[in-house]
Amino acid sequence: MRTAILDPFSGIAGDMMLGALLGVGLDPAWLRALPARLGLREVTVEIREVLRGELVCWKVDFNIPPQPHGRHIAQIRELVASSGAPDRVRQLADATFMAIATAEGEIHGMPAEDVHLHEVGAVDAILDVVGSIWGLELLGVNDVRCGALRTGDGTVRAAHGLLPVPAPATLKLLEGFLVRPGPEGAGELVTPTGAALVRVLASGAPPAEYVPMRSGYGAGSKDFPGRANALRVILADVATVPRLDPANRERIVVLTCDVDDMSPEYLAAVVEQLRSDDALDVVLLAAVMKKGRAGTRVEVMCRPADADRFEAYLLIETTTIGVRRSDLDRVALARTMREVRVLGHQLNVKVVTLPDGGSRVKPEYDDVRRIALATGRRHADIYQLALQAAERT
């Protein structure tokens, strides 16, 4: 499997990513034509080789005439949709922009859709994101891994004023990844665009073993004396293993509370209401409370936008006096619904696509039960007949 291993020993930014991809074989002519593909015909691309420390690196700069001061997500989607990029490129680019908007929204207390993306909405950031994702596709990369990120130190001036390094939104995007502060005097080494690319594209740490095929270096804007400010990308062949599609990764919130003084039937009604109100999942777990009392732990998995609403609901409708909140990532396998016919009745089956390209089929229980009652056949019989019907379609 062709894997791109990111080695951010001096951080990562969008232009560094593009430069490193040029170093491993991305066609410079394709990159020069990218602004026109995105309808940005007045933007030109400057590509040159520079020294960072003692390393020869590719440096990418965009010459941009005056533009709108940032763009909203909907405007960015229109630009990408008109580019002719493959579906997967558009999906990952959209996920990258949404990751930044979500992080900014959480930091500033507003919905992602209302965030005015000062930095990522700028033309150079749009070109960095789309160019990096599309460039990986053109290079035949199937998987992206990322090593420890050096984040820099000090402060950085942004649209919202003077911020500590890493900037709050950048740090939010890097949650779950291995980072190392410094080196001293470096300033900002990881930009929000670079952090979002890592968050959306990287499926984990570099593999323990791989065969390096090519390596390239993308130059950062700063040139530090005595050390290379660059991003290294290694194209490698890695033993094929099932992988999870980064496009299926999403941020979720898990709300947890414990109760030991509530009637089970009323707690069951709370769970039923949470599910009908679009909670992603609700789980009840047996727990032992203070002084050996039997209790129940309630775990609600939901989207970030619904967390406050469900948190308030738990505090009002259960007897708990506290709710814990955890921000997590999850990977949900792609699934579709398919209709089959069993004994003259229509039945829905769920088809799940597995990381290795295979699939898993599961008949919907409510339909199995309905047909079993209507025909007098056992539930197990209807289940097996549904699987056989799904294999034939």
Foldseek 3Di string as FASTA:
>chain_A
DKEKEKEQPQADDLQLLLFFLVQFPQDPVVLQCQCVLLVQVVKGKDWDWDDFQNDTIIGIDIDHDDDPQADFLVVLLVSVVSNPQDPLLSLLLSQLLLLLLPLVCVVVVHDSRPDRDRPCRDPVNSSSSSVNSSSCVVVVHDAYAYAEHEFEFDWDQDPVGIATTVRRSLVVLCPPHHYDYDDPPSYGRYDSSNSSCCSQGHQYHDDPDWAFDGKHWGADPDRDPNGGNTMMMTTTDDPDDQGAHSSQKDKKKKKKFKDQPDDVVLVVVLLVVLVVVPFPHKDWDWDQDPPRGIIIMIITIHHPVCVVVNLVSCCPSGPTPDMDMDMDMDGDFDKDWDWFDDPRDIWIWIWTQGSVRDIDIFTDQVRLVVVCVVPVHDSVVSRVRVVVRVVVD
